[in-house]
Amino acid sequence: MLDWAIEALRVVPARIGSALHHMQGSEELGIPTSYELSTMAEVRRMAAEELPGAHLRPGLYYRYLLSWTKRG
């Protein structure tokens, strides 16, 4: 439920940015899309498995921002 609430808050700035930049949707551009969304917890778990020490935060346009520094 928390993921849905966060996404709802992110829709407004994403829509404003899209309107200001005259952006088209993926379907309008013919880009294949998938609506099978992972939860933030699932994405964090996958990132932790593949990139230990990675930091993940939500970004606009339904994206995640991942930061990671290679150690060693």
Protein backbone atom coordinates (compact mmCIF):
# COMPACT_ATOMS: atom_id res chain seq x y z
CA MET A 1 0.00 0.00 0.00
CA LEU A 2 2.88 2.37 0.74
CA ASP A 3 4.24 1.91 -2.79
CA TRP A 4 0.84 2.85 -4.26
CA ALA A 5 0.62 5.97 -2.08
CA ILE A 6 4.12 7.08 -3.12
CA GLU A 7 3.33 6.47 -6.79
CA ALA A 8 0.14 8.51 -6.48
CA LEU A 9 2.16 11.47 -5.17
CA ARG A 10 4.73 11.10 -7.98
CA VAL A 11 2.09 11.20 -10.72
CA VAL A 12 1.40 14.93 -10.38
CA PRO A 13 4.97 16.21 -11.01
CA ALA A 14 5.47 13.59 -13.73
CA ARG A 15 2.31 14.72 -15.55
CA ILE A 16 3.32 18.39 -15.25
CA GLY A 17 6.80 17.63 -16.60
CA SER A 18 5.34 15.61 -19.46
CA ALA A 19 2.99 18.44 -20.40
CA LEU A 20 5.75 21.07 -20.24
CA HIS A 21 8.04 18.99 -22.47
CA HIS A 22 5.24 17.83 -24.80
CA MET A 23 6.11 14.19 -24.09
CA GLN A 24 4.12 11.32 -25.58
CA GLY A 25 3.27 8.07 -23.85
CA SER A 26 5.10 4.82 -24.58
CA GLU A 27 2.09 3.35 -26.37
CA GLU A 28 1.82 6.42 -28.63
CA LEU A 29 5.46 6.00 -29.64
CA GLY A 30 5.12 2.24 -30.23
CA ILE A 31 7.44 1.31 -27.35
CA PRO A 32 6.68 -2.08 -25.77
CA THR A 33 5.62 -1.67 -22.15
CA SER A 34 4.90 -3.94 -19.22
CA TYR A 35 2.55 -3.17 -16.37
CA GLU A 36 3.93 -5.89 -14.12
CA LEU A 37 5.33 -3.66 -11.40
CA SER A 38 7.69 -4.78 -8.66
CA THR A 39 7.29 -3.35 -5.19
CA MET A 40 10.01 -1.12 -3.81
CA ALA A 41 10.84 -3.87 -1.30
CA GLU A 42 11.34 -6.38 -4.15
CA VAL A 43 13.57 -3.97 -6.07
CA ARG A 44 15.60 -3.23 -2.91
CA ARG A 45 16.02 -6.97 -2.27
CA MET A 46 17.19 -7.62 -5.84
CA ALA A 47 19.61 -4.68 -5.68
CA ALA A 48 21.02 -5.90 -2.36
CA GLU A 49 21.59 -9.38 -3.82
CA GLU A 50 23.32 -8.14 -6.98
CA LEU A 51 25.01 -4.97 -5.68
CA PRO A 52 25.73 -5.10 -1.94
CA GLY A 53 25.72 -1.63 -0.43
CA ALA A 54 23.54 -0.14 -3.16
CA HIS A 55 21.24 2.76 -2.25
CA LEU A 56 17.87 2.92 -3.96
CA ARG A 57 15.35 5.73 -4.03
CA PRO A 58 12.28 6.47 -6.13
CA GLY A 59 12.61 8.85 -9.07
CA LEU A 60 10.08 10.53 -11.32
CA TYR A 61 8.38 8.83 -14.24
CA TYR A 62 8.04 5.52 -12.38
CA ARG A 63 11.79 4.96 -12.25
CA TYR A 64 14.22 4.11 -9.47
CA LEU A 65 17.55 5.82 -8.84
CA LEU A 66 20.24 3.36 -7.79
CA SER A 67 23.62 4.44 -6.42
CA TRP A 68 26.44 1.96 -5.95
CA THR A 69 30.19 2.18 -5.52
CA LYS A 70 32.38 -0.80 -6.31
CA ARG A 71 34.48 -1.78 -3.31
CA GLY A 72 37.90 -3.27 -3.33
